[in-house]
Amino acid sequence: MSSLFIDNNEFIITIEVVPPLGNDPERLLEKLSNLSGLPFHAFSVASNPVAKPRMSAMVFTHLIQKATKKPAILHCTIRDHNRLGLQSELWGAKALGIDTVIAVTGDPSASKAEEITSTVGDLNVCQLITMARDSDLYTGAVLDFRPEVDGLEHEAKRLEKKVAAGCQFIVTQPVYDEQTATQIHAAARHLKVPIIMGILPLLSYKHAIFLHDKVDGIAVPEILRQQMKKAEDPVKEGVSQARQMLELARKMYSGACIMPPFERFDILTDILLSS
C-alpha cells in the first residue's frame, strides 16, 4: 500500500466513508473491499458526522487500510477530544500506518440530543493542523463555504489561517453547480495548495430538500431540486449530476471527494467509470 500524496500534477479521487454503528466492522469492510477495481486513490473516513456516535474513526481507518490495501484519510475533530486526547490520536494514527489526516471542527452537538453531550474545544482547528504536522502527518482541512449565509469570503480568510498553520490540501463541502465551483476556485486559488471538490450524489427529491434545508454548509440549487422532483429515475438523475461535477472538478480542481450517502456504494461504478 502506497502513501497518499495530493498535488496539482495528478487528479486524486477519494471516497468518503462513515464508520459503522456498533462494534462490528465486517459488513462494511466487505462492501469497501468490493470497490477495489474502481479508479480511485483512497478512502476518507469521517469522525462521528452530524455529532452521532460511530465506531472510532482511527480504528476504522486502520481496518480499511488493512482490508483494502488502499490508503485511508482520517478525519480528526476538535469537538470530540481535548488537546491531550488529540495528540494521542495523532501519534496513534501514525503508529498504525495512517499517514494523512484532515483537521475539522466537527458538526456541533445537538442541543436537544437524547444524551447530554458537551463540546471539548480546548484548541482550535488551526492549532490541530499544526499539531498534526508536528506529528509527521500529511494534513488537510475543510472549506465550508457556508452557502446558507453567503459566507465564502469569510471562510476563504479562515482558509488562509489554516494554510498558514500548515494545511497542505483542502477538501470542500459538496458542490452542485458550476457557478459555486468557479467562485470557490477564484477565492482559494491564491493559496497554492491542492483543492479537492466535495461531491455528494443525490438520491431523491426528498434527499435534495433535506440537504438544502437541514444541513449547514450544503446548498442544492433550485433548478437541481426541481430536476430531482421531475425525474422518472431520481437515482439515475443524481448519478448523472455527480458525473457532471466530477468532470468539472477535473477541469478546475486537484481532485474530488465523492460522498456516497447511506452506504450507496453501488452508484460509484456509474459515476467513476462513465466520466
C-alpha atoms as a PDB file:
ATOM      1  CA  MET A   1       0.000   0.000   0.000  1.00  0.00           C
ATOM      2  CA  SER A   2       1.477   3.333  -1.086  1.00  0.00           C
ATOM      3  CA  SER A   3       1.069   6.587   0.806  1.00  0.00           C
ATOM      4  CA  LEU A   4      -1.311   9.233  -0.493  1.00  0.00           C
ATOM      5  CA  PHE A   5       0.176  12.471  -1.755  1.00  0.00           C
ATOM      6  CA  ILE A   6      -2.011  15.202  -3.213  1.00  0.00           C
ATOM      7  CA  ASP A   7      -0.557  17.805  -5.541  1.00  0.00           C
ATOM      8  CA  ASN A   8      -1.512  19.571  -8.742  1.00  0.00           C
ATOM      9  CA  ASN A   9       0.125  17.017 -11.041  1.00  0.00           C
ATOM     10  CA  GLU A  10      -2.342  14.133 -10.642  1.00  0.00           C
ATOM     11  CA  PHE A  11      -6.119  14.269 -10.217  1.00  0.00           C
ATOM     12  CA  ILE A  12      -6.918  12.462  -6.962  1.00  0.00           C
ATOM     13  CA  ILE A  13     -10.262  10.788  -6.206  1.00  0.00           C
ATOM     14  CA  THR A  14     -11.224   9.797  -2.673  1.00  0.00           C
ATOM     15  CA  ILE A  15     -14.344   8.034  -1.393  1.00  0.00           C
ATOM     16  CA  GLU A  16     -15.778   9.260   1.903  1.00  0.00           C
ATOM     17  CA  VAL A  17     -16.901   6.569   4.345  1.00  0.00           C
ATOM     18  CA  VAL A  18     -18.845   6.807   7.596  1.00  0.00           C
ATOM     19  CA  PRO A  19     -17.730   4.185  10.179  1.00  0.00           C
ATOM     20  CA  PRO A  20     -20.364   1.657  11.263  1.00  0.00           C
ATOM     21  CA  LEU A  21     -22.702   1.905  14.200  1.00  0.00           C
ATOM     22  CA  GLY A  22     -21.631  -0.510  16.910  1.00  0.00           C
ATOM     23  CA  ASN A  23     -18.568  -2.709  17.156  1.00  0.00           C
ATOM     24  CA  ASP A  24     -18.851  -4.964  14.083  1.00  0.00           C
ATOM     25  CA  PRO A  25     -16.977  -3.620  11.030  1.00  0.00           C
ATOM     26  CA  GLU A  26     -17.118  -6.727   8.823  1.00  0.00           C
ATOM     27  CA  ARG A  27     -20.185  -5.988   6.687  1.00  0.00           C
ATOM     28  CA  LEU A  28     -18.973  -2.507   5.757  1.00  0.00           C
ATOM     29  CA  LEU A  29     -15.394  -3.653   5.217  1.00  0.00           C
ATOM     30  CA  GLU A  30     -16.653  -6.268   2.758  1.00  0.00           C
ATOM     31  CA  LYS A  31     -18.529  -3.576   0.823  1.00  0.00           C
ATOM     32  CA  LEU A  32     -15.427  -1.407   0.669  1.00  0.00           C
ATOM     33  CA  SER A  33     -13.187  -4.296  -0.372  1.00  0.00           C
ATOM     34  CA  ASN A  34     -15.509  -4.914  -3.316  1.00  0.00           C
ATOM     35  CA  LEU A  35     -14.692  -1.439  -4.645  1.00  0.00           C
ATOM     36  CA  SER A  36     -11.043  -2.276  -5.267  1.00  0.00           C
ATOM     37  CA  GLY A  37     -11.460  -2.447  -9.048  1.00  0.00           C
ATOM     38  CA  LEU A  38     -12.724   1.120  -9.341  1.00  0.00           C
ATOM     39  CA  PRO A  39     -10.410   4.003 -10.305  1.00  0.00           C
ATOM     40  CA  PHE A  40      -9.928   5.930  -7.078  1.00  0.00           C
ATOM     41  CA  HIS A  41      -6.936   6.577  -4.870  1.00  0.00           C
ATOM     42  CA  ALA A  42      -8.029   6.485  -1.228  1.00  0.00           C
ATOM     43  CA  PHE A  43     -10.840   6.354   1.284  1.00  0.00           C
ATOM     44  CA  SER A  44     -11.649   9.297   3.558  1.00  0.00           C
ATOM     45  CA  VAL A  45     -13.097   8.355   6.950  1.00  0.00           C
ATOM     46  CA  ALA A  46     -15.488  10.724   8.713  1.00  0.00           C
ATOM     47  CA  SER A  47     -15.494  11.042  12.501  1.00  0.00           C
ATOM     48  CA  ASN A  48     -18.934  10.989  14.153  1.00  0.00           C
ATOM     49  CA  PRO A  49     -20.679  13.022  11.415  1.00  0.00           C
ATOM     50  CA  VAL A  50     -23.719  15.081  12.471  1.00  0.00           C
ATOM     51  CA  ALA A  51     -22.479  14.560  16.052  1.00  0.00           C
ATOM     52  CA  LYS A  52     -23.784  10.997  16.306  1.00  0.00           C
ATOM     53  CA  PRO A  53     -21.544   8.246  17.754  1.00  0.00           C
ATOM     54  CA  ARG A  54     -19.927   5.763  15.382  1.00  0.00           C
ATOM     55  CA  MET A  55     -17.032   3.345  15.638  1.00  0.00           C
ATOM     56  CA  SER A  56     -13.711   5.089  16.270  1.00  0.00           C
ATOM     57  CA  ALA A  57     -12.644   6.722  13.015  1.00  0.00           C
ATOM     58  CA  MET A  58      -8.996   5.973  13.739  1.00  0.00           C
ATOM     59  CA  VAL A  59      -9.682   2.284  14.321  1.00  0.00           C
ATOM     60  CA  PHE A  60     -11.863   2.023  11.224  1.00  0.00           C
ATOM     61  CA  THR A  61      -9.306   3.867   9.085  1.00  0.00           C
ATOM     62  CA  HIS A  62      -6.710   1.298  10.127  1.00  0.00           C
ATOM     63  CA  LEU A  63      -9.111  -1.573   9.387  1.00  0.00           C
ATOM     64  CA  ILE A  64      -9.892  -0.163   5.933  1.00  0.00           C
ATOM     65  CA  GLN A  65      -6.215   0.071   5.040  1.00  0.00           C
ATOM     66  CA  LYS A  66      -5.631  -3.473   6.238  1.00  0.00           C
ATOM     67  CA  ALA A  67      -8.662  -4.901   4.392  1.00  0.00           C
ATOM     68  CA  THR A  68      -8.441  -2.982   1.104  1.00  0.00           C
ATOM     69  CA  LYS A  69      -4.707  -2.237   0.797  1.00  0.00           C
ATOM     70  CA  LYS A  70      -5.650   1.332  -0.125  1.00  0.00           C
ATOM     71  CA  PRO A  71      -4.680   4.481   1.783  1.00  0.00           C
ATOM     72  CA  ALA A  72      -7.334   5.983   4.031  1.00  0.00           C
ATOM     73  CA  ILE A  73      -7.525   9.546   5.348  1.00  0.00           C
ATOM     74  CA  LEU A  74      -8.510  10.033   8.982  1.00  0.00           C
ATOM     75  CA  HIS A  75     -10.759  12.936   9.955  1.00  0.00           C
ATOM     76  CA  CYS A  76      -9.763  14.394  13.335  1.00  0.00           C
ATOM     77  CA  THR A  77     -12.194  16.698  15.108  1.00  0.00           C
ATOM     78  CA  ILE A  78     -11.666  19.148  17.939  1.00  0.00           C
ATOM     79  CA  ARG A  79     -15.278  18.521  19.006  1.00  0.00           C
ATOM     80  CA  ASP A  80     -14.625  15.062  20.469  1.00  0.00           C
ATOM     81  CA  HIS A  81     -11.179  15.302  22.085  1.00  0.00           C
ATOM     82  CA  ASN A  82      -9.200  17.719  24.169  1.00  0.00           C
ATOM     83  CA  ARG A  83      -5.596  18.645  23.409  1.00  0.00           C
ATOM     84  CA  LEU A  84      -4.272  15.620  25.288  1.00  0.00           C
ATOM     85  CA  GLY A  85      -6.590  13.191  23.505  1.00  0.00           C
ATOM     86  CA  LEU A  86      -5.905  14.652  20.064  1.00  0.00           C
ATOM     87  CA  GLN A  87      -2.158  14.325  20.457  1.00  0.00           C
ATOM     88  CA  SER A  88      -2.646  10.692  21.466  1.00  0.00           C
ATOM     89  CA  GLU A  89      -4.885  10.118  18.414  1.00  0.00           C
ATOM     90  CA  LEU A  90      -2.345  11.630  16.038  1.00  0.00           C
ATOM     91  CA  TRP A  91       0.592   9.637  17.383  1.00  0.00           C
ATOM     92  CA  GLY A  92      -1.536   6.500  17.448  1.00  0.00           C
ATOM     93  CA  ALA A  93      -2.620   7.054  13.848  1.00  0.00           C
ATOM     94  CA  LYS A  94       0.981   7.421  12.710  1.00  0.00           C
ATOM     95  CA  ALA A  95       1.950   4.230  14.557  1.00  0.00           C
ATOM     96  CA  LEU A  96      -0.862   2.354  12.775  1.00  0.00           C
ATOM     97  CA  GLY A  97       0.383   3.415   9.354  1.00  0.00           C
ATOM     98  CA  ILE A  98      -2.125   6.219   8.813  1.00  0.00           C
ATOM     99  CA  ASP A  99      -0.178   8.971   7.050  1.00  0.00           C
ATOM    100  CA  THR A 100      -2.866  11.507   6.164  1.00  0.00           C
ATOM    101  CA  VAL A 101      -5.425  13.373   8.275  1.00  0.00           C
ATOM    102  CA  ILE A 102      -7.997  16.105   7.774  1.00  0.00           C
ATOM    103  CA  ALA A 103      -8.395  18.511  10.681  1.00  0.00           C
ATOM    104  CA  VAL A 104     -12.018  19.549  11.194  1.00  0.00           C
ATOM    105  CA  THR A 105     -14.040  21.446  13.769  1.00  0.00           C
ATOM    106  CA  GLY A 106     -16.840  18.863  13.652  1.00  0.00           C
ATOM    107  CA  ASP A 107     -20.601  19.238  13.418  1.00  0.00           C
ATOM    108  CA  PRO A 108     -21.958  20.842  16.595  1.00  0.00           C
ATOM    109  CA  SER A 109     -23.544  18.569  19.181  1.00  0.00           C
ATOM    110  CA  ALA A 110     -27.328  18.828  19.103  1.00  0.00           C
ATOM    111  CA  SER A 111     -28.727  20.913  21.946  1.00  0.00           C
ATOM    112  CA  LYS A 112     -31.701  18.549  22.259  1.00  0.00           C
ATOM    113  CA  ALA A 113     -29.816  15.288  21.843  1.00  0.00           C
ATOM    114  CA  GLU A 114     -31.114  12.272  23.726  1.00  0.00           C
ATOM    115  CA  GLU A 115     -27.784  12.034  25.523  1.00  0.00           C
ATOM    116  CA  ILE A 116     -26.311  15.177  27.042  1.00  0.00           C
ATOM    117  CA  THR A 117     -23.059  15.901  25.199  1.00  0.00           C
ATOM    118  CA  SER A 118     -20.508  18.592  25.911  1.00  0.00           C
ATOM    119  CA  THR A 119     -18.011  20.013  23.437  1.00  0.00           C
ATOM    120  CA  VAL A 120     -14.366  19.812  24.479  1.00  0.00           C
ATOM    121  CA  GLY A 121     -12.883  22.623  22.372  1.00  0.00           C
ATOM    122  CA  ASP A 122      -9.675  23.495  24.241  1.00  0.00           C
ATOM    123  CA  LEU A 123      -7.832  24.115  20.971  1.00  0.00           C
ATOM    124  CA  ASN A 124      -8.955  25.402  17.596  1.00  0.00           C
ATOM    125  CA  VAL A 125      -8.711  23.773  14.189  1.00  0.00           C
ATOM    126  CA  CYS A 126      -5.595  25.760  13.219  1.00  0.00           C
ATOM    127  CA  GLN A 127      -3.832  24.510  16.338  1.00  0.00           C
ATOM    128  CA  LEU A 128      -4.901  20.969  15.432  1.00  0.00           C
ATOM    129  CA  ILE A 129      -3.413  21.412  11.956  1.00  0.00           C
ATOM    130  CA  THR A 130      -0.093  22.476  13.458  1.00  0.00           C
ATOM    131  CA  MET A 131      -0.222  19.587  15.915  1.00  0.00           C
ATOM    132  CA  ALA A 132      -0.834  17.112  13.090  1.00  0.00           C
ATOM    133  CA  ARG A 133       2.048  18.489  11.028  1.00  0.00           C
ATOM    134  CA  ASP A 134       4.324  18.320  14.067  1.00  0.00           C
ATOM    135  CA  SER A 135       3.249  14.671  14.414  1.00  0.00           C
ATOM    136  CA  ASP A 136       4.659  13.990  10.931  1.00  0.00           C
ATOM    137  CA  LEU A 137       1.241  13.616   9.278  1.00  0.00           C
ATOM    138  CA  TYR A 138       0.197  14.864   5.854  1.00  0.00           C
ATOM    139  CA  THR A 139      -2.542  17.307   6.851  1.00  0.00           C
ATOM    140  CA  GLY A 140      -5.610  18.698   5.126  1.00  0.00           C
ATOM    141  CA  ALA A 141      -8.500  20.939   6.109  1.00  0.00           C
ATOM    142  CA  VAL A 142     -12.096  21.562   5.070  1.00  0.00           C
ATOM    143  CA  LEU A 143     -13.578  24.551   3.272  1.00  0.00           C
ATOM    144  CA  ASP A 144     -17.146  25.049   4.460  1.00  0.00           C
ATOM    145  CA  PHE A 145     -18.192  27.896   2.191  1.00  0.00           C
ATOM    146  CA  ARG A 146     -21.432  28.316   4.183  1.00  0.00           C
ATOM    147  CA  PRO A 147     -23.764  28.977   1.247  1.00  0.00           C
ATOM    148  CA  GLU A 148     -26.712  29.444   3.607  1.00  0.00           C
ATOM    149  CA  VAL A 149     -25.206  32.762   4.742  1.00  0.00           C
ATOM    150  CA  ASP A 150     -23.088  33.679   1.678  1.00  0.00           C
ATOM    151  CA  GLY A 151     -20.046  33.020   3.801  1.00  0.00           C
ATOM    152  CA  LEU A 152     -17.402  32.225   1.156  1.00  0.00           C
ATOM    153  CA  GLU A 153     -15.432  35.445   1.628  1.00  0.00           C
ATOM    154  CA  HIS A 154     -15.221  34.938   5.398  1.00  0.00           C
ATOM    155  CA  GLU A 155     -14.368  31.257   5.085  1.00  0.00           C
ATOM    156  CA  ALA A 156     -11.680  31.964   2.493  1.00  0.00           C
ATOM    157  CA  LYS A 157      -9.959  34.175   5.080  1.00  0.00           C
ATOM    158  CA  ARG A 158     -10.196  31.352   7.622  1.00  0.00           C
ATOM    159  CA  LEU A 159      -8.639  29.114   4.999  1.00  0.00           C
ATOM    160  CA  GLU A 160      -5.644  31.446   4.796  1.00  0.00           C
ATOM    161  CA  LYS A 161      -5.120  30.903   8.522  1.00  0.00           C
ATOM    162  CA  LYS A 162      -5.379  27.129   8.063  1.00  0.00           C
ATOM    163  CA  VAL A 163      -2.748  27.190   5.322  1.00  0.00           C
ATOM    164  CA  ALA A 164      -0.510  29.389   7.469  1.00  0.00           C
ATOM    165  CA  ALA A 165      -0.887  26.815  10.254  1.00  0.00           C
ATOM    166  CA  GLY A 166       0.406  24.094   7.935  1.00  0.00           C
ATOM    167  CA  CYS A 167      -2.568  22.801   5.932  1.00  0.00           C
ATOM    168  CA  GLN A 168      -1.316  21.010   2.803  1.00  0.00           C
ATOM    169  CA  PHE A 169      -4.585  20.375   0.935  1.00  0.00           C
ATOM    170  CA  ILE A 170      -8.234  21.420   1.128  1.00  0.00           C
ATOM    171  CA  VAL A 171     -11.498  19.500   0.738  1.00  0.00           C
ATOM    172  CA  THR A 172     -14.676  21.474   0.051  1.00  0.00           C
ATOM    173  CA  GLN A 173     -18.188  20.807   1.228  1.00  0.00           C
ATOM    174  CA  PRO A 174     -20.389  19.323  -1.542  1.00  0.00           C
ATOM    175  CA  VAL A 175     -20.689  21.473  -4.667  1.00  0.00           C
ATOM    176  CA  TYR A 176     -23.673  21.218  -7.023  1.00  0.00           C
ATOM    177  CA  ASP A 177     -23.193  23.800  -9.754  1.00  0.00           C
ATOM    178  CA  GLU A 178     -20.545  25.409 -11.931  1.00  0.00           C
ATOM    179  CA  GLN A 179     -21.097  28.894 -10.519  1.00  0.00           C
ATOM    180  CA  THR A 180     -20.275  27.764  -6.975  1.00  0.00           C
ATOM    181  CA  ALA A 181     -17.304  25.718  -8.195  1.00  0.00           C
ATOM    182  CA  THR A 182     -15.948  28.772 -10.028  1.00  0.00           C
ATOM    183  CA  GLN A 183     -16.438  31.070  -7.026  1.00  0.00           C
ATOM    184  CA  ILE A 184     -14.628  28.676  -4.689  1.00  0.00           C
ATOM    185  CA  HIS A 185     -11.785  28.238  -7.154  1.00  0.00           C
ATOM    186  CA  ALA A 186     -11.380  32.002  -7.506  1.00  0.00           C
ATOM    187  CA  ALA A 187     -11.486  32.560  -3.735  1.00  0.00           C
ATOM    188  CA  ALA A 188      -8.893  29.907  -2.872  1.00  0.00           C
ATOM    189  CA  ARG A 189      -6.503  29.576  -5.798  1.00  0.00           C
ATOM    190  CA  HIS A 190      -4.065  32.163  -4.380  1.00  0.00           C
ATOM    191  CA  LEU A 191      -3.321  29.767  -1.513  1.00  0.00           C
ATOM    192  CA  LYS A 192      -1.329  27.490  -3.839  1.00  0.00           C
ATOM    193  CA  VAL A 193      -2.452  24.257  -2.165  1.00  0.00           C
ATOM    194  CA  PRO A 194      -4.422  21.454  -3.878  1.00  0.00           C
ATOM    195  CA  ILE A 195      -8.195  21.767  -3.600  1.00  0.00           C
ATOM    196  CA  ILE A 196     -10.446  18.694  -3.635  1.00  0.00           C
ATOM    197  CA  MET A 197     -14.087  19.231  -4.622  1.00  0.00           C
ATOM    198  CA  GLY A 198     -16.712  17.522  -2.482  1.00  0.00           C
ATOM    199  CA  ILE A 199     -19.392  15.641  -4.471  1.00  0.00           C
ATOM    200  CA  LEU A 200     -22.415  14.224  -2.645  1.00  0.00           C
ATOM    201  CA  PRO A 201     -24.731  12.392  -5.099  1.00  0.00           C
ATOM    202  CA  LEU A 202     -28.454  12.999  -4.670  1.00  0.00           C
ATOM    203  CA  LEU A 203     -30.786  10.007  -4.410  1.00  0.00           C
ATOM    204  CA  SER A 204     -34.230  11.610  -4.441  1.00  0.00           C
ATOM    205  CA  TYR A 205     -36.115  14.887  -4.297  1.00  0.00           C
ATOM    206  CA  LYS A 206     -36.640  14.329  -0.570  1.00  0.00           C
ATOM    207  CA  HIS A 207     -32.895  13.823  -0.149  1.00  0.00           C
ATOM    208  CA  ALA A 208     -32.162  17.068  -2.028  1.00  0.00           C
ATOM    209  CA  ILE A 209     -34.645  19.026   0.099  1.00  0.00           C
ATOM    210  CA  PHE A 210     -33.243  17.596   3.322  1.00  0.00           C
ATOM    211  CA  LEU A 211     -29.665  18.527   2.418  1.00  0.00           C
ATOM    212  CA  HIS A 212     -30.670  22.020   1.319  1.00  0.00           C
ATOM    213  CA  ASP A 213     -32.922  22.811   4.272  1.00  0.00           C
ATOM    214  CA  LYS A 214     -31.391  20.888   7.158  1.00  0.00           C
ATOM    215  CA  VAL A 215     -27.645  20.504   6.610  1.00  0.00           C
ATOM    216  CA  ASP A 216     -25.430  23.527   7.211  1.00  0.00           C
ATOM    217  CA  GLY A 217     -22.839  24.055   4.509  1.00  0.00           C
ATOM    218  CA  ILE A 218     -24.858  22.460   1.696  1.00  0.00           C
ATOM    219  CA  ALA A 219     -26.976  24.305  -0.867  1.00  0.00           C
ATOM    220  CA  VAL A 220     -28.758  22.383  -3.623  1.00  0.00           C
ATOM    221  CA  PRO A 221     -29.745  24.842  -6.371  1.00  0.00           C
ATOM    222  CA  GLU A 222     -33.460  25.230  -7.048  1.00  0.00           C
ATOM    223  CA  ILE A 223     -33.084  24.070 -10.653  1.00  0.00           C
ATOM    224  CA  LEU A 224     -31.471  20.842  -9.480  1.00  0.00           C
ATOM    225  CA  ARG A 225     -34.112  20.264  -6.818  1.00  0.00           C
ATOM    226  CA  GLN A 226     -36.773  20.576  -9.496  1.00  0.00           C
ATOM    227  CA  GLN A 227     -34.875  18.186 -11.772  1.00  0.00           C
ATOM    228  CA  MET A 228     -34.867  15.641  -8.969  1.00  0.00           C
ATOM    229  CA  LYS A 229     -38.571  16.207  -8.378  1.00  0.00           C
ATOM    230  CA  LYS A 230     -39.454  15.622 -12.040  1.00  0.00           C
ATOM    231  CA  ALA A 231     -37.035  12.757 -12.667  1.00  0.00           C
ATOM    232  CA  GLU A 232     -38.536   9.365 -13.557  1.00  0.00           C
ATOM    233  CA  ASP A 233     -35.450   7.755 -12.031  1.00  0.00           C
ATOM    234  CA  PRO A 234     -34.113  10.106  -9.309  1.00  0.00           C
ATOM    235  CA  VAL A 235     -31.053   7.964  -8.524  1.00  0.00           C
ATOM    236  CA  LYS A 236     -30.056   7.968 -12.198  1.00  0.00           C
ATOM    237  CA  GLU A 237     -30.535  11.752 -12.275  1.00  0.00           C
ATOM    238  CA  GLY A 238     -28.394  12.169  -9.161  1.00  0.00           C
ATOM    239  CA  VAL A 239     -25.659   9.966 -10.594  1.00  0.00           C
ATOM    240  CA  SER A 240     -25.689  11.950 -13.840  1.00  0.00           C
ATOM    241  CA  GLN A 241     -25.324  15.204 -11.907  1.00  0.00           C
ATOM    242  CA  ALA A 242     -22.450  13.751  -9.858  1.00  0.00           C
ATOM    243  CA  ARG A 243     -20.679  12.753 -13.087  1.00  0.00           C
ATOM    244  CA  GLN A 244     -21.052  16.314 -14.355  1.00  0.00           C
ATOM    245  CA  MET A 245     -19.489  17.664 -11.174  1.00  0.00           C
ATOM    246  CA  LEU A 246     -16.640  15.166 -11.416  1.00  0.00           C
ATOM    247  CA  GLU A 247     -15.885  16.324 -14.956  1.00  0.00           C
ATOM    248  CA  LEU A 248     -15.980  19.930 -13.767  1.00  0.00           C
ATOM    249  CA  ALA A 249     -13.613  19.065 -10.916  1.00  0.00           C
ATOM    250  CA  ARG A 250     -11.166  17.540 -13.415  1.00  0.00           C
ATOM    251  CA  LYS A 251     -11.001  20.889 -15.233  1.00  0.00           C
ATOM    252  CA  MET A 252     -10.723  23.180 -12.205  1.00  0.00           C
ATOM    253  CA  TYR A 253      -9.536  21.274  -9.137  1.00  0.00           C
ATOM    254  CA  SER A 254      -6.822  18.896  -7.986  1.00  0.00           C
ATOM    255  CA  GLY A 255      -9.256  16.119  -7.133  1.00  0.00           C
ATOM    256  CA  ALA A 256     -12.700  15.088  -5.965  1.00  0.00           C
ATOM    257  CA  CYS A 257     -14.037  13.515  -2.785  1.00  0.00           C
ATOM    258  CA  ILE A 258     -17.163  11.510  -3.592  1.00  0.00           C
ATOM    259  CA  MET A 259     -19.510  11.013  -0.653  1.00  0.00           C
ATOM    260  CA  PRO A 260     -21.965   8.164  -1.332  1.00  0.00           C
ATOM    261  CA  PRO A 261     -24.938   8.698   1.022  1.00  0.00           C
ATOM    262  CA  PHE A 262     -26.379   5.877   3.124  1.00  0.00           C
ATOM    263  CA  GLU A 263     -23.657   3.415   2.029  1.00  0.00           C
ATOM    264  CA  ARG A 264     -24.887   3.506  -1.590  1.00  0.00           C
ATOM    265  CA  PHE A 265     -21.500   2.419  -2.910  1.00  0.00           C
ATOM    266  CA  ASP A 266     -23.282   0.691  -5.802  1.00  0.00           C
ATOM    267  CA  ILE A 267     -23.644   4.041  -7.586  1.00  0.00           C
ATOM    268  CA  LEU A 268     -19.881   4.591  -7.718  1.00  0.00           C
ATOM    269  CA  THR A 269     -19.406   2.367 -10.762  1.00  0.00           C
ATOM    270  CA  ASP A 270     -21.659   4.602 -12.875  1.00  0.00           C
ATOM    271  CA  ILE A 271     -20.028   7.759 -11.528  1.00  0.00           C
ATOM    272  CA  LEU A 272     -16.402   6.710 -11.869  1.00  0.00           C
ATOM    273  CA  LEU A 273     -16.449   4.552 -14.993  1.00  0.00           C
ATOM    274  CA  SER A 274     -18.735   6.747 -17.080  1.00  0.00           C
ATOM    275  CA  SER A 275     -16.954  10.034 -16.502  1.00  0.00           C
END
